[in-house]
Each structure stands twice: as structure tokens, then as C-alpha cells.
Amino acid sequence: MLDPAVAREVRAALRAVRKLPGVQTATESTTNTPSTVPDATCASRLVTTNHFRSTFEVDMEPSATPSQAGAVPTAMAGELAWTGVDLTLTVPAGSGHIASVVHYDATFDQTIPPETSTAVAQGLATLAATPHVTGLEATIPTTMRVDYGSLVIGVDRDDQSVLDAVHAVIDTTAFRATTLHGSFGNGAKP
């Protein structure tokens, strides 16, 4: 069973996120993956360990602003003090932009400043509105160091001018020093 104090934090975080402007849906699921290993003091005895994980799925409204999207991880971090939490935050396609997805992995044992989370959301919004970008997904690691995360970008044309234009846009965002992963419509990697 999930520790009662942690369970209260998770419920409080979900309530806080659901109240935020621009949030369309917010759900949470908790999983437990037990593992069994021999006891270090007695090899014939087994020790079972439970590995709890809480996963939040948040879909914003297509018209959500970067500050509204950025408020989600900041609000969660204000309620949680546990690394066993992941967030998948999606801004669906809307007028003038494609959908974007950002994963925050095990970052919720620290304060997430609104400046940082809004910079991530603004970078995704900028790239989502960039010509020739057809897919967009980012991962923010445990450290909250955006430059240690990854950015997956799909583009619809495989010529150098398109890549240069997209790179120029990336360089204006919080993702400027992030590891890039990309693919063209035909599956080739840039």
C-alpha cells in the first residue's frame, strides 16, 4: 500500500492541477511493481520490495498559453516531495500549432520554478508553430536540467534549409543545448 502521507500528496497535487486554467483533463494512476531477491543475510530467504510509481496524465486545452501549461509541473511540485511521480503533459493541436508532449520524469521532490516550467512550455509552443515541424516531444529528467533532457522533432522535408531553419528556432528556446532526436517523414534521421 502506498504510504498514506504520499497518497495525500498525490491526491492534493491532482486537485491542484485540475483547478488550473487551461487544463482540460487530469488523471493519476499508481502502480506497484514488486521485485523479489535473495536476502543478503540468508540466501534461502527471499525479500520482496514494492516499487510504487504515480503517473499523471494532463491534457491542456488546445488554446492553453505557455504560462498555463507551465503552471502544471510547478503546482505539482508544490504539493509533492516524492521522486516516484511522472507527468505527461500534452497540448493538443490547435489553431496555428501542432500537438506537443513533455514528460517530466521523477522531478517532483524539488521546487520547479514557474520561470523554468514556463520556459519549457514556451519553447514547445514556439516549435509547435514552426513551419515543417510535424511532431514534437520533450523529456525533462530528474535533475530538471532541460539541457540534459531530450527533444524529439519530426520534420516533413529532408533538405538542409529546413533543418537549419528548425535549428535556428530551437536555439531561441530553453531547448538550445538539449540532445536532439529527429526524423523526416520517410524515417531518415537528420
N, C-alpha and C. Protein backbone atom coordinates (compact mmCIF):
# COMPACT_ATOMS: atom_id res chain seq x y z
N MET A 1 0.84 -1.18 0.00
CA MET A 1 0.00 0.00 0.00
C MET A 1 0.90 1.25 0.00
N LEU A 2 0.51 2.22 -0.78
CA LEU A 2 1.25 3.48 -0.85
C LEU A 2 1.21 4.18 0.51
N ASP A 3 2.33 4.73 0.93
CA ASP A 3 2.40 5.43 2.21
C ASP A 3 1.28 6.47 2.28
N PRO A 4 0.53 6.52 3.39
CA PRO A 4 -0.61 7.45 3.48
C PRO A 4 -0.24 8.91 3.26
N ALA A 5 0.92 9.34 3.77
CA ALA A 5 1.33 10.74 3.57
C ALA A 5 1.58 11.01 2.09
N VAL A 6 2.24 10.08 1.41
CA VAL A 6 2.49 10.24 -0.02
C VAL A 6 1.17 10.22 -0.80
N ALA A 7 0.27 9.32 -0.42
CA ALA A 7 -1.04 9.25 -1.09
C ALA A 7 -1.79 10.57 -0.95
N ARG A 8 -1.70 11.20 0.23
CA ARG A 8 -2.35 12.51 0.41
C ARG A 8 -1.72 13.56 -0.50
N GLU A 9 -0.38 13.53 -0.62
CA GLU A 9 0.30 14.48 -1.50
C GLU A 9 -0.15 14.29 -2.95
N VAL A 10 -0.25 13.04 -3.38
CA VAL A 10 -0.66 12.75 -4.76
C VAL A 10 -2.07 13.27 -5.01
N ARG A 11 -2.98 13.01 -4.08
CA ARG A 11 -4.36 13.50 -4.24
C ARG A 11 -4.41 15.03 -4.25
N ALA A 12 -3.61 15.66 -3.39
CA ALA A 12 -3.57 17.12 -3.35
C ALA A 12 -3.02 17.69 -4.65
N ALA A 13 -2.00 17.05 -5.19
CA ALA A 13 -1.43 17.51 -6.47
C ALA A 13 -2.45 17.40 -7.60
N LEU A 14 -3.20 16.30 -7.63
CA LEU A 14 -4.21 16.13 -8.67
C LEU A 14 -5.30 17.19 -8.54
N ARG A 15 -5.75 17.46 -7.32
CA ARG A 15 -6.76 18.51 -7.12
C ARG A 15 -6.23 19.87 -7.57
N ALA A 16 -4.97 20.17 -7.21
CA ALA A 16 -4.38 21.47 -7.59
C ALA A 16 -4.30 21.62 -9.10
N VAL A 17 -3.91 20.56 -9.80
CA VAL A 17 -3.79 20.62 -11.26
C VAL A 17 -5.16 20.79 -11.91
N ARG A 18 -6.14 20.08 -11.41
CA ARG A 18 -7.48 20.16 -12.02
C ARG A 18 -8.08 21.56 -11.90
N LYS A 19 -7.65 22.35 -10.92
CA LYS A 19 -8.17 23.70 -10.73
C LYS A 19 -7.50 24.74 -11.63
N LEU A 20 -6.39 24.37 -12.27
CA LEU A 20 -5.62 25.34 -13.05
C LEU A 20 -6.35 25.73 -14.34
N PRO A 21 -6.26 27.00 -14.73
CA PRO A 21 -6.85 27.41 -16.00
C PRO A 21 -6.13 26.73 -17.16
N GLY A 22 -6.89 26.37 -18.18
CA GLY A 22 -6.33 25.76 -19.37
C GLY A 22 -6.22 24.25 -19.32
N VAL A 23 -6.45 23.65 -18.14
CA VAL A 23 -6.39 22.19 -18.02
C VAL A 23 -7.72 21.60 -18.48
N GLN A 24 -7.64 20.71 -19.45
CA GLN A 24 -8.84 20.05 -19.97
C GLN A 24 -9.15 18.79 -19.17
N THR A 25 -8.15 17.90 -19.00
CA THR A 25 -8.33 16.70 -18.19
C THR A 25 -7.04 16.42 -17.43
N ALA A 26 -7.19 15.81 -16.27
CA ALA A 26 -6.03 15.42 -15.46
C ALA A 26 -6.39 14.12 -14.75
N THR A 27 -5.55 13.10 -14.94
CA THR A 27 -5.76 11.82 -14.29
C THR A 27 -4.46 11.37 -13.63
N GLU A 28 -4.59 10.45 -12.69
CA GLU A 28 -3.43 9.90 -12.00
C GLU A 28 -3.66 8.42 -11.79
N SER A 29 -2.61 7.64 -11.97
CA SER A 29 -2.68 6.21 -11.65
C SER A 29 -1.42 5.82 -10.90
N THR A 30 -1.61 4.95 -9.92
CA THR A 30 -0.48 4.47 -9.11
C THR A 30 -0.28 3.00 -9.41
N THR A 31 0.96 2.63 -9.67
CA THR A 31 1.28 1.23 -9.93
C THR A 31 2.27 0.74 -8.88
N ASN A 32 2.28 -0.57 -8.69
CA ASN A 32 3.22 -1.21 -7.78
C ASN A 32 3.86 -2.37 -8.52
N THR A 33 5.17 -2.33 -8.63
CA THR A 33 5.91 -3.40 -9.28
C THR A 33 6.79 -4.07 -8.24
N PRO A 34 6.34 -5.20 -7.69
CA PRO A 34 7.17 -5.86 -6.67
C PRO A 34 8.34 -6.60 -7.31
N SER A 35 9.43 -6.68 -6.56
CA SER A 35 10.57 -7.48 -7.00
C SER A 35 11.02 -8.32 -5.82
N THR A 36 11.49 -9.52 -6.11
CA THR A 36 11.92 -10.44 -5.07
C THR A 36 13.37 -10.83 -5.32
N VAL A 37 14.19 -10.70 -4.28
CA VAL A 37 15.61 -11.03 -4.37
C VAL A 37 16.00 -11.82 -3.12
N PRO A 38 17.07 -12.61 -3.20
CA PRO A 38 17.53 -13.32 -2.01
C PRO A 38 17.98 -12.33 -0.93
N ASP A 39 17.68 -12.65 0.31
CA ASP A 39 18.11 -11.84 1.45
C ASP A 39 19.64 -11.90 1.54
N ALA A 40 20.28 -10.76 1.74
CA ALA A 40 21.74 -10.71 1.80
C ALA A 40 22.29 -11.46 3.00
N THR A 41 21.48 -11.57 4.06
CA THR A 41 21.96 -12.25 5.27
C THR A 41 21.63 -13.73 5.30
N CYS A 42 20.67 -14.16 4.44
CA CYS A 42 20.27 -15.57 4.41
C CYS A 42 19.78 -15.89 3.00
N ALA A 43 20.63 -16.53 2.20
CA ALA A 43 20.33 -16.76 0.78
C ALA A 43 19.08 -17.60 0.56
N SER A 44 18.67 -18.42 1.54
CA SER A 44 17.48 -19.25 1.34
C SER A 44 16.19 -18.47 1.59
N ARG A 45 16.30 -17.25 2.11
CA ARG A 45 15.13 -16.43 2.39
C ARG A 45 15.02 -15.35 1.30
N LEU A 46 13.80 -15.08 0.86
CA LEU A 46 13.57 -14.07 -0.17
C LEU A 46 13.00 -12.80 0.46
N VAL A 47 13.38 -11.68 -0.11
CA VAL A 47 12.87 -10.38 0.33
C VAL A 47 12.12 -9.76 -0.84
N THR A 48 10.89 -9.35 -0.58
CA THR A 48 10.08 -8.69 -1.62
C THR A 48 10.04 -7.20 -1.35
N THR A 49 10.32 -6.45 -2.39
CA THR A 49 10.30 -4.99 -2.31
C THR A 49 9.23 -4.47 -3.27
N ASN A 50 8.45 -3.51 -2.80
CA ASN A 50 7.43 -2.89 -3.65
C ASN A 50 7.96 -1.58 -4.22
N HIS A 51 7.74 -1.37 -5.50
CA HIS A 51 8.20 -0.17 -6.20
C HIS A 51 6.97 0.59 -6.70
N PHE A 52 6.54 1.56 -5.92
CA PHE A 52 5.37 2.34 -6.29
C PHE A 52 5.75 3.49 -7.22
N ARG A 53 4.86 3.78 -8.13
CA ARG A 53 5.06 4.87 -9.08
C ARG A 53 3.71 5.51 -9.34
N SER A 54 3.69 6.82 -9.40
CA SER A 54 2.46 7.56 -9.69
C SER A 54 2.65 8.26 -11.03
N THR A 55 1.69 8.08 -11.91
CA THR A 55 1.77 8.68 -13.25
C THR A 55 0.60 9.63 -13.45
N PHE A 56 0.94 10.88 -13.74
CA PHE A 56 -0.08 11.90 -14.04
C PHE A 56 -0.14 12.08 -15.55
N GLU A 57 -1.35 12.14 -16.08
CA GLU A 57 -1.59 12.45 -17.50
C GLU A 57 -2.44 13.70 -17.53
N VAL A 58 -1.90 14.77 -18.09
CA VAL A 58 -2.63 16.04 -18.13
C VAL A 58 -2.72 16.51 -19.58
N ASP A 59 -3.93 16.77 -20.01
CA ASP A 59 -4.19 17.33 -21.34
C ASP A 59 -4.67 18.76 -21.16
N MET A 60 -3.98 19.67 -21.80
CA MET A 60 -4.38 21.07 -21.77
C MET A 60 -5.42 21.32 -22.85
N GLU A 61 -6.07 22.46 -22.79
CA GLU A 61 -6.93 22.89 -23.89
C GLU A 61 -6.02 23.29 -25.05
N PRO A 62 -6.45 23.09 -26.30
CA PRO A 62 -5.58 23.47 -27.44
C PRO A 62 -5.15 24.93 -27.42
N SER A 63 -5.95 25.79 -26.81
CA SER A 63 -5.63 27.22 -26.77
C SER A 63 -4.86 27.63 -25.51
N ALA A 64 -4.41 26.67 -24.72
CA ALA A 64 -3.69 26.98 -23.48
C ALA A 64 -2.42 27.77 -23.78
N THR A 65 -2.13 28.72 -22.91
CA THR A 65 -0.91 29.52 -23.07
C THR A 65 0.28 28.77 -22.45
N PRO A 66 1.50 29.16 -22.82
CA PRO A 66 2.67 28.55 -22.18
C PRO A 66 2.67 28.73 -20.66
N SER A 67 2.22 29.86 -20.17
CA SER A 67 2.21 30.04 -18.71
C SER A 67 1.20 29.11 -18.05
N GLN A 68 0.08 28.83 -18.73
CA GLN A 68 -0.89 27.88 -18.19
C GLN A 68 -0.32 26.46 -18.19
N ALA A 69 0.34 26.07 -19.27
CA ALA A 69 0.96 24.74 -19.33
C ALA A 69 2.10 24.64 -18.32
N GLY A 70 2.88 25.69 -18.19
CA GLY A 70 3.99 25.69 -17.25
C GLY A 70 3.54 25.64 -15.80
N ALA A 71 2.32 26.08 -15.52
CA ALA A 71 1.81 26.06 -14.15
C ALA A 71 1.58 24.64 -13.63
N VAL A 72 1.41 23.67 -14.55
CA VAL A 72 1.09 22.30 -14.13
C VAL A 72 2.25 21.67 -13.35
N PRO A 73 3.46 21.54 -13.90
CA PRO A 73 4.53 20.93 -13.11
C PRO A 73 4.89 21.75 -11.87
N THR A 74 4.78 23.06 -11.95
CA THR A 74 5.07 23.90 -10.79
C THR A 74 4.08 23.62 -9.66
N ALA A 75 2.79 23.52 -10.00
CA ALA A 75 1.77 23.22 -8.99
C ALA A 75 1.97 21.84 -8.40
N MET A 76 2.31 20.87 -9.24
CA MET A 76 2.55 19.52 -8.73
C MET A 76 3.72 19.50 -7.76
N ALA A 77 4.80 20.17 -8.11
CA ALA A 77 5.98 20.20 -7.25
C ALA A 77 5.69 20.89 -5.93
N GLY A 78 4.72 21.79 -5.91
CA GLY A 78 4.34 22.46 -4.67
C GLY A 78 3.61 21.55 -3.71
N GLU A 79 3.06 20.45 -4.21
CA GLU A 79 2.30 19.51 -3.38
C GLU A 79 3.07 18.23 -3.07
N LEU A 80 4.07 17.90 -3.87
CA LEU A 80 4.75 16.60 -3.78
C LEU A 80 6.17 16.73 -3.27
N ALA A 81 6.62 15.69 -2.58
CA ALA A 81 8.01 15.62 -2.16
C ALA A 81 8.49 14.19 -2.38
N TRP A 82 8.25 13.69 -3.59
CA TRP A 82 8.50 12.28 -3.88
C TRP A 82 9.00 12.14 -5.32
N THR A 83 10.06 11.38 -5.52
CA THR A 83 10.60 11.19 -6.88
C THR A 83 9.82 10.16 -7.67
N GLY A 84 8.90 9.43 -7.04
CA GLY A 84 8.18 8.37 -7.75
C GLY A 84 7.01 8.87 -8.57
N VAL A 85 7.09 10.08 -9.07
CA VAL A 85 6.00 10.68 -9.84
C VAL A 85 6.49 11.08 -11.22
N ASP A 86 5.72 10.73 -12.23
CA ASP A 86 5.98 11.15 -13.61
C ASP A 86 4.78 11.94 -14.11
N LEU A 87 5.03 12.87 -15.00
CA LEU A 87 3.98 13.68 -15.61
C LEU A 87 4.14 13.64 -17.12
N THR A 88 3.04 13.36 -17.81
CA THR A 88 2.98 13.54 -19.26
C THR A 88 1.99 14.67 -19.50
N LEU A 89 2.49 15.77 -20.05
CA LEU A 89 1.69 16.97 -20.27
C LEU A 89 1.56 17.21 -21.77
N THR A 90 0.33 17.20 -22.25
CA THR A 90 0.06 17.34 -23.68
C THR A 90 -0.72 18.61 -23.96
N VAL A 91 -0.26 19.35 -24.95
CA VAL A 91 -1.04 20.45 -25.51
C VAL A 91 -1.48 19.98 -26.89
N PRO A 92 -2.79 19.71 -27.07
CA PRO A 92 -3.26 19.21 -28.37
C PRO A 92 -3.06 20.24 -29.48
N ALA A 93 -3.10 19.76 -30.70
CA ALA A 93 -3.02 20.66 -31.86
C ALA A 93 -4.16 21.67 -31.80
N GLY A 94 -3.86 22.87 -32.23
CA GLY A 94 -4.87 23.93 -32.25
C GLY A 94 -4.61 24.85 -33.42
N SER A 95 -5.21 25.99 -33.38
CA SER A 95 -5.07 26.94 -34.47
C SER A 95 -3.61 27.41 -34.56
N GLY A 96 -2.95 27.05 -35.66
CA GLY A 96 -1.60 27.51 -35.93
C GLY A 96 -0.49 26.72 -35.26
N HIS A 97 -0.82 25.59 -34.62
CA HIS A 97 0.25 24.80 -33.99
C HIS A 97 -0.11 23.31 -33.95
N ILE A 98 0.93 22.48 -33.96
CA ILE A 98 0.74 21.04 -33.84
C ILE A 98 0.70 20.69 -32.34
N ALA A 99 0.41 19.45 -32.04
CA ALA A 99 0.40 18.98 -30.65
C ALA A 99 1.84 18.90 -30.13
N SER A 100 2.00 19.07 -28.84
CA SER A 100 3.31 18.89 -28.20
C SER A 100 3.11 18.09 -26.92
N VAL A 101 4.13 17.31 -26.59
CA VAL A 101 4.10 16.48 -25.39
C VAL A 101 5.41 16.68 -24.64
N VAL A 102 5.30 16.84 -23.32
CA VAL A 102 6.51 16.91 -22.49
C VAL A 102 6.34 15.94 -21.33
N HIS A 103 7.41 15.20 -21.07
CA HIS A 103 7.44 14.24 -19.96
C HIS A 103 8.37 14.80 -18.88
N TYR A 104 7.85 14.92 -17.68
CA TYR A 104 8.66 15.25 -16.52
C TYR A 104 8.86 13.94 -15.77
N ASP A 105 10.10 13.47 -15.70
CA ASP A 105 10.39 12.16 -15.11
C ASP A 105 11.03 12.30 -13.73
N ALA A 106 10.28 11.91 -12.70
CA ALA A 106 10.80 11.83 -11.32
C ALA A 106 11.39 13.14 -10.82
N THR A 107 10.78 14.25 -11.19
CA THR A 107 11.33 15.56 -10.83
C THR A 107 10.65 16.19 -9.62
N PHE A 108 9.69 15.51 -9.03
CA PHE A 108 8.80 16.20 -8.09
C PHE A 108 9.21 16.10 -6.62
N ASP A 109 10.50 16.04 -6.36
CA ASP A 109 11.00 16.13 -4.99
C ASP A 109 11.72 17.45 -4.78
N GLN A 110 11.42 18.41 -5.63
CA GLN A 110 12.10 19.70 -5.59
C GLN A 110 11.14 20.79 -6.04
N THR A 111 11.52 22.02 -5.82
CA THR A 111 10.73 23.14 -6.33
C THR A 111 10.98 23.26 -7.82
N ILE A 112 9.92 23.46 -8.58
CA ILE A 112 10.07 23.72 -10.01
C ILE A 112 9.63 25.18 -10.23
N PRO A 113 10.58 26.08 -10.41
CA PRO A 113 10.22 27.49 -10.56
C PRO A 113 9.33 27.70 -11.78
N PRO A 114 8.34 28.59 -11.65
CA PRO A 114 7.48 28.86 -12.81
C PRO A 114 8.26 29.37 -14.01
N GLU A 115 9.39 30.05 -13.77
CA GLU A 115 10.20 30.54 -14.89
C GLU A 115 10.73 29.37 -15.72
N THR A 116 11.13 28.31 -15.03
CA THR A 116 11.68 27.14 -15.73
C THR A 116 10.60 26.38 -16.48
N SER A 117 9.50 26.08 -15.80
CA SER A 117 8.44 25.30 -16.47
C SER A 117 7.77 26.11 -17.58
N THR A 118 7.67 27.42 -17.40
CA THR A 118 7.09 28.25 -18.46
C THR A 118 8.05 28.35 -19.65
N ALA A 119 9.35 28.40 -19.39
CA ALA A 119 10.33 28.42 -20.49
C ALA A 119 10.25 27.13 -21.30
N VAL A 120 10.06 26.00 -20.64
CA VAL A 120 9.88 24.73 -21.36
C VAL A 120 8.62 24.79 -22.21
N ALA A 121 7.50 25.22 -21.60
CA ALA A 121 6.24 25.30 -22.33
C ALA A 121 6.31 26.30 -23.48
N GLN A 122 6.99 27.42 -23.27
CA GLN A 122 7.14 28.43 -24.33
C GLN A 122 7.99 27.87 -25.47
N GLY A 123 9.05 27.16 -25.14
CA GLY A 123 9.87 26.54 -26.19
C GLY A 123 9.07 25.56 -27.02
N LEU A 124 8.27 24.73 -26.36
CA LEU A 124 7.43 23.78 -27.10
C LEU A 124 6.39 24.51 -27.95
N ALA A 125 5.78 25.55 -27.40
CA ALA A 125 4.78 26.31 -28.17
C ALA A 125 5.41 26.96 -29.40
N THR A 126 6.62 27.47 -29.24
CA THR A 126 7.32 28.10 -30.37
C THR A 126 7.61 27.06 -31.45
N LEU A 127 8.13 25.91 -31.04
CA LEU A 127 8.44 24.85 -32.01
C LEU A 127 7.18 24.25 -32.63
N ALA A 128 6.10 24.17 -31.86
CA ALA A 128 4.84 23.62 -32.36
C ALA A 128 4.24 24.49 -33.46
N ALA A 129 4.62 25.76 -33.48
CA ALA A 129 4.12 26.68 -34.51
C ALA A 129 5.14 26.91 -35.62
N THR A 130 6.25 26.17 -35.61
CA THR A 130 7.31 26.34 -36.59
C THR A 130 6.98 25.59 -37.88
N PRO A 131 7.10 26.24 -39.04
CA PRO A 131 6.84 25.55 -40.30
C PRO A 131 7.72 24.30 -40.45
N HIS A 132 7.14 23.27 -41.03
CA HIS A 132 7.78 21.98 -41.33
C HIS A 132 7.93 21.05 -40.13
N VAL A 133 7.64 21.51 -38.91
CA VAL A 133 7.67 20.63 -37.75
C VAL A 133 6.37 19.85 -37.71
N THR A 134 6.47 18.52 -37.68
CA THR A 134 5.28 17.66 -37.72
C THR A 134 5.08 16.84 -36.46
N GLY A 135 6.07 16.79 -35.60
CA GLY A 135 5.96 16.04 -34.35
C GLY A 135 6.88 16.66 -33.32
N LEU A 136 6.47 16.61 -32.04
CA LEU A 136 7.23 17.31 -31.01
C LEU A 136 7.02 16.66 -29.65
N GLU A 137 8.13 16.18 -29.08
CA GLU A 137 8.07 15.54 -27.77
C GLU A 137 9.36 15.80 -27.01
N ALA A 138 9.24 16.23 -25.76
CA ALA A 138 10.41 16.53 -24.93
C ALA A 138 10.36 15.71 -23.65
N THR A 139 11.53 15.45 -23.10
CA THR A 139 11.65 14.78 -21.81
C THR A 139 12.55 15.61 -20.91
N ILE A 140 12.05 15.91 -19.72
CA ILE A 140 12.80 16.66 -18.72
C ILE A 140 13.23 15.65 -17.65
N PRO A 141 14.52 15.53 -17.39
CA PRO A 141 14.98 14.49 -16.47
C PRO A 141 14.83 14.86 -15.00
N THR A 142 15.14 13.91 -14.14
CA THR A 142 15.04 14.07 -12.69
C THR A 142 15.69 15.34 -12.20
N THR A 143 16.80 15.71 -12.79
CA THR A 143 17.56 16.88 -12.33
C THR A 143 16.90 18.21 -12.66
N MET A 144 15.87 18.20 -13.51
CA MET A 144 15.23 19.40 -14.04
C MET A 144 16.19 20.21 -14.90
N ARG A 145 17.30 19.62 -15.30
CA ARG A 145 18.21 20.28 -16.22
C ARG A 145 17.69 20.03 -17.64
N VAL A 146 17.07 21.03 -18.22
CA VAL A 146 16.48 20.89 -19.55
C VAL A 146 17.53 20.42 -20.56
N ASP A 147 18.76 20.93 -20.42
CA ASP A 147 19.81 20.58 -21.38
C ASP A 147 20.24 19.11 -21.24
N TYR A 148 19.88 18.44 -20.16
CA TYR A 148 20.17 17.01 -20.01
C TYR A 148 19.01 16.14 -20.49
N GLY A 149 17.93 16.77 -20.89
CA GLY A 149 16.77 16.05 -21.38
C GLY A 149 16.92 15.71 -22.85
N SER A 150 15.81 15.39 -23.47
CA SER A 150 15.85 15.11 -24.90
C SER A 150 14.67 15.79 -25.59
N LEU A 151 14.84 16.02 -26.86
CA LEU A 151 13.84 16.67 -27.68
C LEU A 151 13.72 15.89 -28.97
N VAL A 152 12.53 15.40 -29.25
CA VAL A 152 12.27 14.65 -30.48
C VAL A 152 11.42 15.53 -31.39
N ILE A 153 11.94 15.77 -32.57
CA ILE A 153 11.26 16.64 -33.53
C ILE A 153 11.11 15.90 -34.85
N GLY A 154 9.91 15.85 -35.35
CA GLY A 154 9.67 15.34 -36.70
C GLY A 154 9.54 16.51 -37.65
N VAL A 155 10.14 16.39 -38.82
CA VAL A 155 10.01 17.43 -39.85
C VAL A 155 9.54 16.78 -41.14
N ASP A 156 8.89 17.57 -41.99
CA ASP A 156 8.28 17.00 -43.19
C ASP A 156 9.16 17.02 -44.43
N ARG A 157 10.33 17.66 -44.36
CA ARG A 157 11.21 17.70 -45.54
C ARG A 157 12.63 17.44 -45.12
N ASP A 158 13.37 16.78 -45.99
CA ASP A 158 14.72 16.37 -45.63
C ASP A 158 15.82 17.23 -46.25
N ASP A 159 15.51 18.50 -46.52
CA ASP A 159 16.59 19.33 -47.07
C ASP A 159 17.23 20.18 -45.96
N GLN A 160 18.46 20.55 -46.20
CA GLN A 160 19.26 21.24 -45.18
C GLN A 160 18.67 22.58 -44.78
N SER A 161 18.01 23.26 -45.70
CA SER A 161 17.44 24.57 -45.35
C SER A 161 16.35 24.43 -44.29
N VAL A 162 15.55 23.35 -44.38
CA VAL A 162 14.51 23.12 -43.37
C VAL A 162 15.17 22.83 -42.02
N LEU A 163 16.17 21.94 -42.02
CA LEU A 163 16.87 21.62 -40.77
C LEU A 163 17.51 22.86 -40.16
N ASP A 164 18.14 23.67 -40.98
CA ASP A 164 18.78 24.89 -40.48
C ASP A 164 17.74 25.83 -39.88
N ALA A 165 16.59 25.95 -40.52
CA ALA A 165 15.54 26.83 -40.01
C ALA A 165 15.00 26.33 -38.67
N VAL A 166 14.80 25.03 -38.55
CA VAL A 166 14.31 24.46 -37.30
C VAL A 166 15.36 24.60 -36.20
N HIS A 167 16.62 24.33 -36.52
CA HIS A 167 17.70 24.51 -35.54
C HIS A 167 17.78 25.96 -35.07
N ALA A 168 17.57 26.90 -35.98
CA ALA A 168 17.61 28.32 -35.61
C ALA A 168 16.51 28.63 -34.60
N VAL A 169 15.34 28.03 -34.77
CA VAL A 169 14.25 28.24 -33.81
C VAL A 169 14.59 27.59 -32.48
N ILE A 170 15.11 26.36 -32.51
CA ILE A 170 15.49 25.66 -31.27
C ILE A 170 16.46 26.52 -30.46
N ASP A 171 17.38 27.16 -31.15
CA ASP A 171 18.41 27.95 -30.48
C ASP A 171 17.85 29.18 -29.76
N THR A 172 16.58 29.52 -30.00
CA THR A 172 15.95 30.65 -29.31
C THR A 172 15.14 30.19 -28.10
N THR A 173 15.14 28.89 -27.81
CA THR A 173 14.29 28.34 -26.76
C THR A 173 15.11 27.74 -25.61
N ALA A 174 14.40 27.28 -24.59
CA ALA A 174 15.05 26.61 -23.45
C ALA A 174 15.72 25.31 -23.86
N PHE A 175 15.44 24.83 -25.07
CA PHE A 175 16.00 23.56 -25.57
C PHE A 175 17.29 23.74 -26.36
N ARG A 176 17.86 24.92 -26.35
CA ARG A 176 19.02 25.22 -27.21
C ARG A 176 20.21 24.30 -26.97
N ALA A 177 20.39 23.76 -25.77
CA ALA A 177 21.54 22.89 -25.51
C ALA A 177 21.13 21.44 -25.26
N THR A 178 19.90 21.10 -25.64
CA THR A 178 19.35 19.76 -25.37
C THR A 178 19.77 18.78 -26.45
N THR A 179 19.87 17.51 -26.08
CA THR A 179 20.12 16.46 -27.06
C THR A 179 18.93 16.38 -28.00
N LEU A 180 19.20 16.44 -29.30
CA LEU A 180 18.12 16.43 -30.29
C LEU A 180 17.98 15.06 -30.93
N HIS A 181 16.74 14.66 -31.15
CA HIS A 181 16.42 13.45 -31.90
C HIS A 181 15.43 13.88 -32.96
N GLY A 182 15.64 13.50 -34.18
CA GLY A 182 14.73 13.94 -35.22
C GLY A 182 14.51 12.86 -36.28
N SER A 183 13.48 13.05 -37.06
CA SER A 183 13.24 12.14 -38.19
C SER A 183 12.49 12.88 -39.26
N PHE A 184 12.72 12.46 -40.47
CA PHE A 184 11.97 13.01 -41.60
C PHE A 184 10.76 12.13 -41.83
N GLY A 185 9.86 12.59 -42.66
CA GLY A 185 8.67 11.83 -42.97
C GLY A 185 8.95 10.43 -43.48
N ASN A 186 10.11 10.24 -44.12
CA ASN A 186 10.46 8.92 -44.67
C ASN A 186 11.22 8.06 -43.66
N GLY A 187 11.38 8.55 -42.41
CA GLY A 187 12.06 7.79 -41.37
C GLY A 187 13.55 8.02 -41.27
N ALA A 188 14.12 8.77 -42.20
CA ALA A 188 15.56 9.05 -42.14
C ALA A 188 15.88 9.95 -40.95
N LYS A 189 17.04 9.79 -40.38
CA LYS A 189 17.46 10.61 -39.25
C LYS A 189 18.35 11.75 -39.75
N PRO A 190 18.10 12.98 -39.27
CA PRO A 190 18.97 14.08 -39.69
C PRO A 190 20.32 14.04 -39.00
